[in-house]
Amino acid sequence: EVDRVAKVFPSHLTATLAGVLAEKDIDPKQKDVFTSEDKEKAYDFR
């Protein structure tokens, strides 16, 4: 169970944890460092 949660925890913490992941939730300075995998992990974690 712990592994299931830890594996989807996003590596970049600048996205909000509320609502659906959207471009507006990402700090504009960090947009370039977010991969599609990071976005998917953030969505799964939410």
PDB file of all heavy atoms in Angstrom:
ATOM      1  N   GLU A   1       0.832  -1.206   0.000  1.00  0.00           N
ATOM      2  CA  GLU A   1       0.000   0.000   0.000  1.00  0.00           C
ATOM      3  C   GLU A   1       0.863   1.251   0.000  1.00  0.00           C
ATOM      4  O   GLU A   1       0.603   2.218  -0.710  1.00  0.00           O
ATOM      5  CB  GLU A   1      -0.935   0.024   1.216  1.00  0.00           C
ATOM      6  CG  GLU A   1      -2.169  -0.798   1.054  1.00  0.00           C
ATOM      7  CD  GLU A   1      -3.077  -0.247  -0.025  1.00  0.00           C
ATOM      8  OE1 GLU A   1      -3.481   0.938   0.040  1.00  0.00           O
ATOM      9  OE2 GLU A   1      -3.384  -0.990  -0.970  1.00  0.00           O
ATOM     10  N   VAL A   2       1.901   1.246   0.828  1.00  0.00           N
ATOM     11  CA  VAL A   2       2.814   2.388   0.910  1.00  0.00           C
ATOM     12  C   VAL A   2       3.502   2.593  -0.437  1.00  0.00           C
ATOM     13  O   VAL A   2       3.615   3.721  -0.930  1.00  0.00           O
ATOM     14  CB  VAL A   2       3.855   2.200   2.036  1.00  0.00           C
ATOM     15  CG1 VAL A   2       4.874   3.328   2.021  1.00  0.00           C
ATOM     16  CG2 VAL A   2       3.161   2.105   3.390  1.00  0.00           C
ATOM     17  N   ASP A   3       3.952   1.502  -1.050  1.00  0.00           N
ATOM     18  CA  ASP A   3       4.603   1.590  -2.360  1.00  0.00           C
ATOM     19  C   ASP A   3       3.666   2.168  -3.411  1.00  0.00           C
ATOM     20  O   ASP A   3       4.064   2.976  -4.244  1.00  0.00           O
ATOM     21  CB  ASP A   3       5.092   0.220  -2.827  1.00  0.00           C
ATOM     22  CG  ASP A   3       6.389  -0.190  -2.167  1.00  0.00           C
ATOM     23  OD1 ASP A   3       7.090   0.698  -1.641  1.00  0.00           O
ATOM     24  OD2 ASP A   3       6.706  -1.386  -2.184  1.00  0.00           O
ATOM     25  N   ARG A   4       2.403   1.751  -3.358  1.00  0.00           N
ATOM     26  CA  ARG A   4       1.408   2.237  -4.324  1.00  0.00           C
ATOM     27  C   ARG A   4       1.288   3.760  -4.240  1.00  0.00           C
ATOM     28  O   ARG A   4       1.253   4.446  -5.263  1.00  0.00           O
ATOM     29  CB  ARG A   4       0.062   1.573  -4.034  1.00  0.00           C
ATOM     30  CG  ARG A   4      -1.034   1.893  -5.020  1.00  0.00           C
ATOM     31  CD  ARG A   4      -2.290   1.062  -4.735  1.00  0.00           C
ATOM     32  NE  ARG A   4      -3.004   1.526  -3.569  1.00  0.00           N
ATOM     33  CZ  ARG A   4      -4.003   2.407  -3.610  1.00  0.00           C
ATOM     34  NH1 ARG A   4      -4.370   2.931  -4.763  1.00  0.00           N
ATOM     35  NH2 ARG A   4      -4.618   2.775  -2.518  1.00  0.00           N
ATOM     36  N   VAL A   5       1.283   4.297  -3.026  1.00  0.00           N
ATOM     37  CA  VAL A   5       1.175   5.741  -2.847  1.00  0.00           C
ATOM     38  C   VAL A   5       2.487   6.430  -3.211  1.00  0.00           C
ATOM     39  O   VAL A   5       2.509   7.419  -3.944  1.00  0.00           O
ATOM     40  CB  VAL A   5       0.778   6.086  -1.394  1.00  0.00           C
ATOM     41  CG1 VAL A   5       0.825   7.588  -1.157  1.00  0.00           C
ATOM     42  CG2 VAL A   5      -0.606   5.537  -1.073  1.00  0.00           C
ATOM     43  N   ALA A   6       3.596   5.902  -2.716  1.00  0.00           N
ATOM     44  CA  ALA A   6       4.901   6.545  -2.943  1.00  0.00           C
ATOM     45  C   ALA A   6       5.274   6.599  -4.421  1.00  0.00           C
ATOM     46  O   ALA A   6       5.860   7.577  -4.883  1.00  0.00           O
ATOM     47  CB  ALA A   6       5.977   5.825  -2.146  1.00  0.00           C
ATOM     48  N   LYS A   7       4.926   5.549  -5.153  1.00  0.00           N
ATOM     49  CA  LYS A   7       5.294   5.499  -6.574  1.00  0.00           C
ATOM     50  C   LYS A   7       4.591   6.559  -7.414  1.00  0.00           C
ATOM     51  O   LYS A   7       5.120   6.996  -8.426  1.00  0.00           O
ATOM     52  CB  LYS A   7       5.015   4.114  -7.152  1.00  0.00           C
ATOM     53  CG  LYS A   7       6.043   3.093  -6.719  1.00  0.00           C
ATOM     54  CD  LYS A   7       5.730   1.730  -7.281  1.00  0.00           C
ATOM     55  CE  LYS A   7       6.754   0.721  -6.774  1.00  0.00           C
ATOM     56  NZ  LYS A   7       6.428  -0.638  -7.177  1.00  0.00           N
ATOM     57  N   VAL A   8       3.397   6.969  -7.018  1.00  0.00           N
ATOM     58  CA  VAL A   8       2.697   7.982  -7.810  1.00  0.00           C
ATOM     59  C   VAL A   8       2.863   9.386  -7.247  1.00  0.00           C
ATOM     60  O   VAL A   8       2.345  10.339  -7.819  1.00  0.00           O
ATOM     61  CB  VAL A   8       1.181   7.671  -7.963  1.00  0.00           C
ATOM     62  CG1 VAL A   8       0.983   6.366  -8.677  1.00  0.00           C
ATOM     63  CG2 VAL A   8       0.466   7.719  -6.639  1.00  0.00           C
ATOM     64  N   PHE A   9       3.610   9.515  -6.154  1.00  0.00           N
ATOM     65  CA  PHE A   9       3.822  10.847  -5.599  1.00  0.00           C
ATOM     66  C   PHE A   9       4.678  11.643  -6.573  1.00  0.00           C
ATOM     67  O   PHE A   9       5.734  11.194  -6.982  1.00  0.00           O
ATOM     68  CB  PHE A   9       4.505  10.771  -4.227  1.00  0.00           C
ATOM     69  CG  PHE A   9       4.386  12.047  -3.451  1.00  0.00           C
ATOM     70  CD1 PHE A   9       3.240  12.320  -2.733  1.00  0.00           C
ATOM     71  CD2 PHE A   9       5.404  12.984  -3.460  1.00  0.00           C
ATOM     72  CE1 PHE A   9       3.109  13.494  -2.022  1.00  0.00           C
ATOM     73  CE2 PHE A   9       5.286  14.169  -2.759  1.00  0.00           C
ATOM     74  CZ  PHE A   9       4.129  14.427  -2.030  1.00  0.00           C
ATOM     75  N   PRO A  10       4.206  12.829  -6.990  1.00  0.00           N
ATOM     76  CA  PRO A  10       4.949  13.582  -8.009  1.00  0.00           C
ATOM     77  C   PRO A  10       6.333  14.010  -7.521  1.00  0.00           C
ATOM     78  O   PRO A  10       6.519  14.313  -6.355  1.00  0.00           O
ATOM     79  CB  PRO A  10       4.065  14.807  -8.269  1.00  0.00           C
ATOM     80  CG  PRO A  10       2.989  14.790  -7.266  1.00  0.00           C
ATOM     81  CD  PRO A  10       3.001  13.491  -6.553  1.00  0.00           C
ATOM     82  N   SER A  11       7.285  14.021  -8.446  1.00  0.00           N
ATOM     83  CA  SER A  11       8.644  14.420  -8.073  1.00  0.00           C
ATOM     84  C   SER A  11       8.784  15.927  -7.984  1.00  0.00           C
ATOM     85  O   SER A  11       9.706  16.433  -7.384  1.00  0.00           O
ATOM     86  CB  SER A  11       9.654  13.842  -9.065  1.00  0.00           C
ATOM     87  OG  SER A  11       9.332  14.253 -10.376  1.00  0.00           O
ATOM     88  N   HIS A  12       7.863  16.671  -8.582  1.00  0.00           N
ATOM     89  CA  HIS A  12       7.861  18.131  -8.505  1.00  0.00           C
ATOM     90  C   HIS A  12       6.630  18.544  -7.714  1.00  0.00           C
ATOM     91  O   HIS A  12       5.520  18.162  -8.051  1.00  0.00           O
ATOM     92  CB  HIS A  12       7.813  18.761  -9.897  1.00  0.00           C
ATOM     93  CG  HIS A  12       8.993  18.389 -10.726  1.00  0.00           C
ATOM     94  ND1 HIS A  12      10.229  18.954 -10.523  1.00  0.00           N
ATOM     95  CD2 HIS A  12       9.145  17.515 -11.730  1.00  0.00           C
ATOM     96  CE1 HIS A  12      11.082  18.437 -11.388  1.00  0.00           C
ATOM     97  NE2 HIS A  12      10.441  17.555 -12.128  1.00  0.00           N
ATOM     98  N   LEU A  13       6.821  19.345  -6.683  1.00  0.00           N
ATOM     99  CA  LEU A  13       5.722  19.658  -5.782  1.00  0.00           C
ATOM    100  C   LEU A  13       5.115  21.032  -6.023  1.00  0.00           C
ATOM    101  O   LEU A  13       4.454  21.571  -5.170  1.00  0.00           O
ATOM    102  CB  LEU A  13       6.205  19.557  -4.337  1.00  0.00           C
ATOM    103  CG  LEU A  13       6.753  18.194  -3.951  1.00  0.00           C
ATOM    104  CD1 LEU A  13       7.200  18.196  -2.505  1.00  0.00           C
ATOM    105  CD2 LEU A  13       5.719  17.118  -4.168  1.00  0.00           C
ATOM    106  N   THR A  14       5.321  21.606  -7.196  1.00  0.00           N
ATOM    107  CA  THR A  14       4.785  22.935  -7.435  1.00  0.00           C
ATOM    108  C   THR A  14       3.350  22.919  -7.946  1.00  0.00           C
ATOM    109  O   THR A  14       2.730  23.961  -8.023  1.00  0.00           O
ATOM    110  CB  THR A  14       5.669  23.721  -8.419  1.00  0.00           C
ATOM    111  OG1 THR A  14       5.791  22.956  -9.608  1.00  0.00           O
ATOM    112  CG2 THR A  14       7.025  24.005  -7.831  1.00  0.00           C
ATOM    113  N   ALA A  15       2.814  21.770  -8.290  1.00  0.00           N
ATOM    114  CA  ALA A  15       1.412  21.680  -8.703  1.00  0.00           C
ATOM    115  C   ALA A  15       0.551  21.589  -7.453  1.00  0.00           C
ATOM    116  O   ALA A  15       0.970  21.048  -6.442  1.00  0.00           O
ATOM    117  CB  ALA A  15       1.193  20.454  -9.578  1.00  0.00           C
ATOM    118  N   THR A  16      -0.657  22.122  -7.531  1.00  0.00           N
ATOM    119  CA  THR A  16      -1.541  22.034  -6.376  1.00  0.00           C
ATOM    120  C   THR A  16      -2.052  20.611  -6.243  1.00  0.00           C
ATOM    121  O   THR A  16      -2.047  19.841  -7.205  1.00  0.00           O
ATOM    122  CB  THR A  16      -2.748  22.983  -6.533  1.00  0.00           C
ATOM    123  OG1 THR A  16      -3.520  22.549  -7.645  1.00  0.00           O
ATOM    124  CG2 THR A  16      -2.297  24.420  -6.714  1.00  0.00           C
ATOM    125  N   LEU A  17      -2.518  20.253  -5.054  1.00  0.00           N
ATOM    126  CA  LEU A  17      -3.033  18.908  -4.840  1.00  0.00           C
ATOM    127  C   LEU A  17      -4.560  18.876  -4.839  1.00  0.00           C
ATOM    128  O   LEU A  17      -5.161  17.880  -4.501  1.00  0.00           O
ATOM    129  CB  LEU A  17      -2.507  18.345  -3.516  1.00  0.00           C
ATOM    130  CG  LEU A  17      -1.021  18.024  -3.523  1.00  0.00           C
ATOM    131  CD1 LEU A  17      -0.589  17.528  -2.153  1.00  0.00           C
ATOM    132  CD2 LEU A  17      -0.682  16.992  -4.575  1.00  0.00           C
ATOM    133  N   ALA A  18      -5.188  19.965  -5.230  1.00  0.00           N
ATOM    134  CA  ALA A  18      -6.647  20.008  -5.261  1.00  0.00           C
ATOM    135  C   ALA A  18      -7.127  20.032  -6.711  1.00  0.00           C
ATOM    136  O   ALA A  18      -6.488  20.608  -7.566  1.00  0.00           O
ATOM    137  CB  ALA A  18      -7.153  21.247  -4.537  1.00  0.00           C
ATOM    138  N   GLY A  19      -8.238  19.404  -6.951  1.00  0.00           N
ATOM    139  CA  GLY A  19      -8.837  19.465  -8.272  1.00  0.00           C
ATOM    140  C   GLY A  19      -8.118  18.638  -9.313  1.00  0.00           C
ATOM    141  O   GLY A  19      -7.271  17.823  -9.008  1.00  0.00           O
ATOM    142  N   VAL A  20      -8.447  18.866 -10.543  1.00  0.00           N
ATOM    143  CA  VAL A  20      -7.857  18.128 -11.655  1.00  0.00           C
ATOM    144  C   VAL A  20      -6.614  18.860 -12.115  1.00  0.00           C
ATOM    145  O   VAL A  20      -6.593  20.078 -12.191  1.00  0.00           O
ATOM    146  CB  VAL A  20      -8.872  18.015 -12.809  1.00  0.00           C
ATOM    147  CG1 VAL A  20      -8.263  17.306 -13.998  1.00  0.00           C
ATOM    148  CG2 VAL A  20     -10.127  17.297 -12.330  1.00  0.00           C
ATOM    149  N   LEU A  21      -5.573  18.116 -12.424  1.00  0.00           N
ATOM    150  CA  LEU A  21      -4.327  18.733 -12.878  1.00  0.00           C
ATOM    151  C   LEU A  21      -4.581  19.526 -14.149  1.00  0.00           C
ATOM    152  O   LEU A  21      -5.114  19.012 -15.117  1.00  0.00           O
ATOM    153  CB  LEU A  21      -3.266  17.670 -13.137  1.00  0.00           C
ATOM    154  CG  LEU A  21      -1.917  18.192 -13.615  1.00  0.00           C
ATOM    155  CD1 LEU A  21      -1.278  19.054 -12.528  1.00  0.00           C
ATOM    156  CD2 LEU A  21      -0.999  17.055 -13.970  1.00  0.00           C
ATOM    157  N   ALA A  22      -4.236  20.770 -14.108  1.00  0.00           N
ATOM    158  CA  ALA A  22      -4.382  21.630 -15.281  1.00  0.00           C
ATOM    159  C   ALA A  22      -3.118  22.469 -15.399  1.00  0.00           C
ATOM    160  O   ALA A  22      -2.383  22.630 -14.438  1.00  0.00           O
ATOM    161  CB  ALA A  22      -5.606  22.536 -15.114  1.00  0.00           C
ATOM    162  N   GLU A  23      -2.892  22.992 -16.570  1.00  0.00           N
ATOM    163  CA  GLU A  23      -1.709  23.821 -16.791  1.00  0.00           C
ATOM    164  C   GLU A  23      -1.672  24.985 -15.804  1.00  0.00           C
ATOM    165  O   GLU A  23      -0.628  25.409 -15.363  1.00  0.00           O
ATOM    166  CB  GLU A  23      -1.680  24.348 -18.225  1.00  0.00           C
ATOM    167  CG  GLU A  23      -1.421  23.267 -19.251  1.00  0.00           C
ATOM    168  CD  GLU A  23      -0.046  22.625 -19.129  1.00  0.00           C
ATOM    169  OE1 GLU A  23       0.938  23.341 -18.901  1.00  0.00           O
ATOM    170  OE2 GLU A  23       0.032  21.400 -19.243  1.00  0.00           O
ATOM    171  N   LYS A  24      -2.848  25.522 -15.440  1.00  0.00           N
ATOM    172  CA  LYS A  24      -2.895  26.671 -14.532  1.00  0.00           C
ATOM    173  C   LYS A  24      -2.411  26.305 -13.127  1.00  0.00           C
ATOM    174  O   LYS A  24      -2.050  27.183 -12.359  1.00  0.00           O
ATOM    175  CB  LYS A  24      -4.309  27.242 -14.462  1.00  0.00           C
ATOM    176  CG  LYS A  24      -5.305  26.323 -13.770  1.00  0.00           C
ATOM    177  CD  LYS A  24      -6.660  26.991 -13.648  1.00  0.00           C
ATOM    178  CE  LYS A  24      -7.654  26.128 -12.934  1.00  0.00           C
ATOM    179  NZ  LYS A  24      -7.304  25.690 -11.616  1.00  0.00           N
ATOM    180  N   ASP A  25      -2.406  25.016 -12.776  1.00  0.00           N
ATOM    181  CA  ASP A  25      -1.978  24.589 -11.445  1.00  0.00           C
ATOM    182  C   ASP A  25      -0.464  24.538 -11.310  1.00  0.00           C
ATOM    183  O   ASP A  25       0.046  24.353 -10.221  1.00  0.00           O
ATOM    184  CB  ASP A  25      -2.522  23.188 -11.117  1.00  0.00           C
ATOM    185  CG  ASP A  25      -4.036  23.195 -10.970  1.00  0.00           C
ATOM    186  OD1 ASP A  25      -4.580  24.229 -10.556  1.00  0.00           O
ATOM    187  OD2 ASP A  25      -4.644  22.170 -11.274  1.00  0.00           O
ATOM    188  N   ILE A  26       0.258  24.684 -12.395  1.00  0.00           N
ATOM    189  CA  ILE A  26       1.708  24.555 -12.375  1.00  0.00           C
ATOM    190  C   ILE A  26       2.334  25.939 -12.385  1.00  0.00           C
ATOM    191  O   ILE A  26       1.959  26.792 -13.179  1.00  0.00           O
ATOM    192  CB  ILE A  26       2.200  23.732 -13.581  1.00  0.00           C
ATOM    193  CG1 ILE A  26       1.563  22.340 -13.553  1.00  0.00           C
ATOM    194  CG2 ILE A  26       3.725  23.634 -13.586  1.00  0.00           C
ATOM    195  CD1 ILE A  26       1.830  21.513 -14.792  1.00  0.00           C
ATOM    196  N   ASP A  27       3.283  26.154 -11.482  1.00  0.00           N
ATOM    197  CA  ASP A  27       4.024  27.405 -11.434  1.00  0.00           C
ATOM    198  C   ASP A  27       4.624  27.653 -12.815  1.00  0.00           C
ATOM    199  O   ASP A  27       5.316  26.789 -13.354  1.00  0.00           O
ATOM    200  CB  ASP A  27       5.127  27.277 -10.380  1.00  0.00           C
ATOM    201  CG  ASP A  27       5.955  28.536 -10.225  1.00  0.00           C
ATOM    202  OD1 ASP A  27       5.974  29.375 -11.142  1.00  0.00           O
ATOM    203  OD2 ASP A  27       6.605  28.675  -9.172  1.00  0.00           O
ATOM    204  N   PRO A  28       4.365  28.825 -13.419  1.00  0.00           N
ATOM    205  CA  PRO A  28       4.874  29.090 -14.771  1.00  0.00           C
ATOM    206  C   PRO A  28       6.384  28.897 -14.901  1.00  0.00           C
ATOM    207  O   PRO A  28       6.879  28.493 -15.948  1.00  0.00           O
ATOM    208  CB  PRO A  28       4.490  30.555 -15.018  1.00  0.00           C
ATOM    209  CG  PRO A  28       3.379  30.831 -14.076  1.00  0.00           C
ATOM    210  CD  PRO A  28       3.583  29.930 -12.893  1.00  0.00           C
ATOM    211  N   LYS A  29       7.125  29.143 -13.829  1.00  0.00           N
ATOM    212  CA  LYS A  29       8.581  28.967 -13.872  1.00  0.00           C
ATOM    213  C   LYS A  29       8.973  27.492 -13.954  1.00  0.00           C
ATOM    214  O   LYS A  29      10.079  27.162 -14.314  1.00  0.00           O
ATOM    215  CB  LYS A  29       9.228  29.586 -12.631  1.00  0.00           C
ATOM    216  CG  LYS A  29       9.038  31.081 -12.520  1.00  0.00           C
ATOM    217  CD  LYS A  29       9.589  31.587 -11.203  1.00  0.00           C
ATOM    218  CE  LYS A  29       9.224  33.037 -10.982  1.00  0.00           C
ATOM    219  NZ  LYS A  29       9.545  33.494  -9.641  1.00  0.00           N
ATOM    220  N   GLN A  30       8.033  26.600 -13.591  1.00  0.00           N
ATOM    221  CA  GLN A  30       8.328  25.170 -13.534  1.00  0.00           C
ATOM    222  C   GLN A  30       7.742  24.385 -14.706  1.00  0.00           C
ATOM    223  O   GLN A  30       7.947  23.186 -14.804  1.00  0.00           O
ATOM    224  CB  GLN A  30       7.782  24.579 -12.228  1.00  0.00           C
ATOM    225  CG  GLN A  30       8.409  25.146 -10.985  1.00  0.00           C
ATOM    226  CD  GLN A  30       9.854  24.715 -10.849  1.00  0.00           C
ATOM    227  OE1 GLN A  30      10.189  23.576 -11.138  1.00  0.00           O
ATOM    228  NE2 GLN A  30      10.709  25.600 -10.427  1.00  0.00           N
ATOM    229  N   LYS A  31       7.001  25.033 -15.603  1.00  0.00           N
ATOM    230  CA  LYS A  31       6.319  24.307 -16.687  1.00  0.00           C
ATOM    231  C   LYS A  31       7.278  23.450 -17.503  1.00  0.00           C
ATOM    232  O   LYS A  31       6.933  22.366 -17.923  1.00  0.00           O
ATOM    233  CB  LYS A  31       5.571  25.269 -17.595  1.00  0.00           C
ATOM    234  CG  LYS A  31       4.255  25.705 -17.009  1.00  0.00           C
ATOM    235  CD  LYS A  31       3.400  26.418 -18.006  1.00  0.00           C
ATOM    236  CE  LYS A  31       2.162  26.900 -17.285  1.00  0.00           C
ATOM    237  NZ  LYS A  31       0.984  26.879 -18.032  1.00  0.00           N
ATOM    238  N   ASP A  32       8.484  23.955 -17.726  1.00  0.00           N
ATOM    239  CA  ASP A  32       9.440  23.215 -18.553  1.00  0.00           C
ATOM    240  C   ASP A  32       9.946  21.941 -17.888  1.00  0.00           C
ATOM    241  O   ASP A  32      10.401  21.030 -18.568  1.00  0.00           O
ATOM    242  CB  ASP A  32      10.638  24.102 -18.912  1.00  0.00           C
ATOM    243  CG  ASP A  32      10.229  25.262 -19.811  1.00  0.00           C
ATOM    244  OD1 ASP A  32       9.167  25.174 -20.446  1.00  0.00           O
ATOM    245  OD2 ASP A  32      10.980  26.249 -19.864  1.00  0.00           O
ATOM    246  N   VAL A  33       9.891  21.863 -16.549  1.00  0.00           N
ATOM    247  CA  VAL A  33      10.427  20.684 -15.869  1.00  0.00           C
ATOM    248  C   VAL A  33       9.381  19.590 -15.676  1.00  0.00           C
ATOM    249  O   VAL A  33       9.715  18.484 -15.280  1.00  0.00           O
ATOM    250  CB  VAL A  33      11.068  21.029 -14.499  1.00  0.00           C
ATOM    251  CG1 VAL A  33      12.236  21.963 -14.684  1.00  0.00           C
ATOM    252  CG2 VAL A  33      10.053  21.596 -13.534  1.00  0.00           C
ATOM    253  N   PHE A  34       8.115  19.883 -15.958  1.00  0.00           N
ATOM    254  CA  PHE A  34       7.063  18.890 -15.809  1.00  0.00           C
ATOM    255  C   PHE A  34       6.961  18.039 -17.072  1.00  0.00           C
ATOM    256  O   PHE A  34       6.661  18.538 -18.142  1.00  0.00           O
ATOM    257  CB  PHE A  34       5.700  19.549 -15.552  1.00  0.00           C
ATOM    258  CG  PHE A  34       5.440  19.817 -14.110  1.00  0.00           C
ATOM    259  CD1 PHE A  34       5.891  20.985 -13.518  1.00  0.00           C
ATOM    260  CD2 PHE A  34       4.765  18.906 -13.336  1.00  0.00           C
ATOM    261  CE1 PHE A  34       5.655  21.230 -12.190  1.00  0.00           C
ATOM    262  CE2 PHE A  34       4.525  19.141 -12.004  1.00  0.00           C
ATOM    263  CZ  PHE A  34       4.979  20.315 -11.423  1.00  0.00           C
ATOM    264  N   THR A  35       7.197  16.763 -16.920  1.00  0.00           N
ATOM    265  CA  THR A  35       7.018  15.842 -18.041  1.00  0.00           C
ATOM    266  C   THR A  35       5.581  15.338 -18.026  1.00  0.00           C
ATOM    267  O   THR A  35       4.858  15.533 -17.054  1.00  0.00           O
ATOM    268  CB  THR A  35       7.970  14.638 -17.920  1.00  0.00           C
ATOM    269  OG1 THR A  35       7.588  13.885 -16.747  1.00  0.00           O
ATOM    270  CG2 THR A  35       9.427  15.081 -17.817  1.00  0.00           C
ATOM    271  N   SER A  36       5.180  14.658 -19.091  1.00  0.00           N
ATOM    272  CA  SER A  36       3.834  14.090 -19.101  1.00  0.00           C
ATOM    273  C   SER A  36       3.701  13.035 -18.006  1.00  0.00           C
ATOM    274  O   SER A  36       2.635  12.858 -17.424  1.00  0.00           O
ATOM    275  CB  SER A  36       3.503  13.496 -20.471  1.00  0.00           C
ATOM    276  OG  SER A  36       4.446  12.507 -20.811  1.00  0.00           O
ATOM    277  N   GLU A  37       4.812  12.345 -17.692  1.00  0.00           N
ATOM    278  CA  GLU A  37       4.795  11.361 -16.606  1.00  0.00           C
ATOM    279  C   GLU A  37       4.562  12.044 -15.258  1.00  0.00           C
ATOM    280  O   GLU A  37       3.810  11.546 -14.418  1.00  0.00           O
ATOM    281  CB  GLU A  37       6.123  10.589 -16.572  1.00  0.00           C
ATOM    282  CG  GLU A  37       6.148   9.504 -15.509  1.00  0.00           C
ATOM    283  CD  GLU A  37       7.478   8.765 -15.470  1.00  0.00           C
ATOM    284  OE1 GLU A  37       8.276   8.884 -16.416  1.00  0.00           O
ATOM    285  OE2 GLU A  37       7.713   8.073 -14.461  1.00  0.00           O
ATOM    286  N   ASP A  38       5.200  13.210 -15.037  1.00  0.00           N
ATOM    287  CA  ASP A  38       4.989  13.970 -13.798  1.00  0.00           C
ATOM    288  C   ASP A  38       3.522  14.368 -13.656  1.00  0.00           C
ATOM    289  O   ASP A  38       2.935  14.263 -12.578  1.00  0.00           O
ATOM    290  CB  ASP A  38       5.841  15.246 -13.783  1.00  0.00           C
ATOM    291  CG  ASP A  38       7.321  14.978 -13.636  1.00  0.00           C
ATOM    292  OD1 ASP A  38       7.683  14.006 -12.946  1.00  0.00           O
ATOM    293  OD2 ASP A  38       8.117  15.749 -14.203  1.00  0.00           O
ATOM    294  N   LYS A  39       2.933  14.828 -14.759  1.00  0.00           N
ATOM    295  CA  LYS A  39       1.531  15.241 -14.728  1.00  0.00           C
ATOM    296  C   LYS A  39       0.629  14.053 -14.419  1.00  0.00           C
ATOM    297  O   LYS A  39      -0.312  14.163 -13.633  1.00  0.00           O
ATOM    298  CB  LYS A  39       1.139  15.881 -16.058  1.00  0.00           C
ATOM    299  CG  LYS A  39       1.809  17.219 -16.292  1.00  0.00           C
ATOM    300  CD  LYS A  39       1.448  17.767 -17.662  1.00  0.00           C
ATOM    301  CE  LYS A  39       2.220  19.037 -17.960  1.00  0.00           C
ATOM    302  NZ  LYS A  39       1.946  19.563 -19.291  1.00  0.00           N
ATOM    303  N   GLU A  40       0.916  12.904 -15.019  1.00  0.00           N
ATOM    304  CA  GLU A  40       0.116  11.701 -14.778  1.00  0.00           C
ATOM    305  C   GLU A  40       0.225  11.257 -13.317  1.00  0.00           C
ATOM    306  O   GLU A  40      -0.768  10.886 -12.686  1.00  0.00           O
ATOM    307  CB  GLU A  40       0.556  10.580 -15.715  1.00  0.00           C
ATOM    308  CG  GLU A  40      -0.334   9.356 -15.662  1.00  0.00           C
ATOM    309  CD  GLU A  40      -1.756   9.621 -16.132  1.00  0.00           C
ATOM    310  OE1 GLU A  40      -1.960  10.486 -16.995  1.00  0.00           O
ATOM    311  OE2 GLU A  40      -2.677   8.956 -15.611  1.00  0.00           O
ATOM    312  N   LYS A  41       1.449  11.319 -12.771  1.00  0.00           N
ATOM    313  CA  LYS A  41       1.640  10.946 -11.363  1.00  0.00           C
ATOM    314  C   LYS A  41       0.865  11.884 -10.442  1.00  0.00           C
ATOM    315  O   LYS A  41       0.240  11.443  -9.480  1.00  0.00           O
ATOM    316  CB  LYS A  41       3.122  10.979 -11.000  1.00  0.00           C
ATOM    317  CG  LYS A  41       3.898   9.800 -11.493  1.00  0.00           C
ATOM    318  CD  LYS A  41       5.338   9.893 -11.044  1.00  0.00           C
ATOM    319  CE  LYS A  41       6.142   8.695 -11.507  1.00  0.00           C
ATOM    320  NZ  LYS A  41       7.534   8.764 -11.055  1.00  0.00           N
ATOM    321  N   ALA A  42       0.907  13.182 -10.736  1.00  0.00           N
ATOM    322  CA  ALA A  42       0.181  14.153  -9.910  1.00  0.00           C
ATOM    323  C   ALA A  42      -1.320  13.868  -9.960  1.00  0.00           C
ATOM    324  O   ALA A  42      -2.005  13.895  -8.936  1.00  0.00           O
ATOM    325  CB  ALA A  42       0.480  15.574 -10.378  1.00  0.00           C
ATOM    326  N   TYR A  43      -1.830  13.556 -11.137  1.00  0.00           N
ATOM    327  CA  TYR A  43      -3.248  13.242 -11.290  1.00  0.00           C
ATOM    328  C   TYR A  43      -3.607  11.978 -10.500  1.00  0.00           C
ATOM    329  O   TYR A  43      -4.593  11.953  -9.764  1.00  0.00           O
ATOM    330  CB  TYR A  43      -3.587  13.075 -12.765  1.00  0.00           C
ATOM    331  CG  TYR A  43      -5.031  12.737 -13.006  1.00  0.00           C
ATOM    332  CD1 TYR A  43      -6.020  13.711 -12.897  1.00  0.00           C
ATOM    333  CD2 TYR A  43      -5.421  11.436 -13.318  1.00  0.00           C
ATOM    334  CE1 TYR A  43      -7.349  13.400 -13.099  1.00  0.00           C
ATOM    335  CE2 TYR A  43      -6.743  11.123 -13.527  1.00  0.00           C
ATOM    336  CZ  TYR A  43      -7.707  12.102 -13.411  1.00  0.00           C
ATOM    337  OH  TYR A  43      -9.016  11.794 -13.603  1.00  0.00           O
ATOM    338  N   ASP A  44      -2.775  10.925 -10.623  1.00  0.00           N
ATOM    339  CA  ASP A  44      -3.032   9.673  -9.898  1.00  0.00           C
ATOM    340  C   ASP A  44      -2.973   9.889  -8.386  1.00  0.00           C
ATOM    341  O   ASP A  44      -3.773   9.325  -7.634  1.00  0.00           O
ATOM    342  CB  ASP A  44      -2.018   8.602 -10.301  1.00  0.00           C
ATOM    343  CG  ASP A  44      -2.241   8.089 -11.721  1.00  0.00           C
ATOM    344  OD1 ASP A  44      -3.336   8.335 -12.281  1.00  0.00           O
ATOM    345  OD2 ASP A  44      -1.329   7.453 -12.269  1.00  0.00           O
ATOM    346  N   PHE A  45      -2.027  10.715  -7.944  1.00  0.00           N
ATOM    347  CA  PHE A  45      -1.904  10.982  -6.506  1.00  0.00           C
ATOM    348  C   PHE A  45      -3.149  11.704  -5.989  1.00  0.00           C
ATOM    349  O   PHE A  45      -3.665  11.384  -4.926  1.00  0.00           O
ATOM    350  CB  PHE A  45      -0.644  11.788  -6.209  1.00  0.00           C
ATOM    351  CG  PHE A  45      -0.386  11.921  -4.744  1.00  0.00           C
ATOM    352  CD1 PHE A  45       0.171  10.867  -4.031  1.00  0.00           C
ATOM    353  CD2 PHE A  45      -0.718  13.078  -4.063  1.00  0.00           C
ATOM    354  CE1 PHE A  45       0.403  10.968  -2.667  1.00  0.00           C
ATOM    355  CE2 PHE A  45      -0.494  13.187  -2.703  1.00  0.00           C
ATOM    356  CZ  PHE A  45       0.069  12.135  -2.002  1.00  0.00           C
ATOM    357  N   ARG A  46      -3.648  12.650  -6.778  1.00  0.00           N
ATOM    358  CA  ARG A  46      -4.868  13.351  -6.383  1.00  0.00           C
ATOM    359  C   ARG A  46      -6.047  12.393  -6.271  1.00  0.00           C
ATOM    360  O   ARG A  46      -6.851  12.485  -5.357  1.00  0.00           O
ATOM    361  CB  ARG A  46      -5.205  14.442  -7.401  1.00  0.00           C
ATOM    362  CG  ARG A  46      -4.322  15.632  -7.261  1.00  0.00           C
ATOM    363  CD  ARG A  46      -4.911  16.783  -8.052  1.00  0.00           C
ATOM    364  NE  ARG A  46      -3.993  17.878  -7.976  1.00  0.00           N
ATOM    365  CZ  ARG A  46      -3.239  18.270  -8.995  1.00  0.00           C
ATOM    366  NH1 ARG A  46      -3.324  17.679 -10.146  1.00  0.00           N
ATOM    367  NH2 ARG A  46      -2.404  19.271  -8.849  1.00  0.00           N
TER     368      ARG A  46
END
